[in-house]
Amino acid sequence: MAQSPQSTQQDTEDSNGGNPWEAYDPNDDGPPLASYATIAGGFSCGLVTFLVIRRQEAGGLPERVAPQDIGVIAGASFALSRLLTKKKVTAFIRAPFTEYEGKGDAPGELEERPRGSGSKRAIGELLTCPYCLDMWAATAGIVGLVVVPRETRVVASILAAFGLSDLLQGVYRKSIAG
């Protein structure tokens, strides 16, 4: 009985050790997919564990998050992700996972690129991408609202004001530049 092209391809994939990501980038210089999966899995498991445990506690989970809280957390997430991924003053956090490339587009910001491979590179990519870190920051903000709402609102308000101030500084810079 002749094998179909599909079964031959399956046999080849199985003989490669069953690595589902191997064919994604044959040159092996693409993103560290296994490390991404580990980080995303850890994030998801941590969040689900929190939700399950919190739901069983006396206070439980809130029915909903107030729109004004979502707005403040969104502003805080923006500011926190820029602070952690771009600002000079937090370069020490990124340094083990990144390589300095030069000054960033905005004052007080740096351009860096991830270095290393595997988990080190995946963490470097997370720490140099404000868009990527936003989900982590937003989750921390909402979890904070559930666990310690008063303290979270104060910290989130500070971060949101910082983010708005950063935006206003950018508008000012553009207005005087011409």
Foldseek 3Di string as FASTA:
>chain_A
DDDDPVVVVVVVCVVVVVDPCCVVDVVPPDAQVVLVVVVVVVVVVVLVVLQVVQQPDPLHFDPDDDPVLLVLLLLLLLLVLCCQAWAPVNVVVLVQFWAWDAADPDPRTTQIAGDDDRNSRVVNVCRNDSVNSSVVSSSVLSSCCGPPVVVSSVSSNVSSVVSVVSVVVVVVVVVVVD
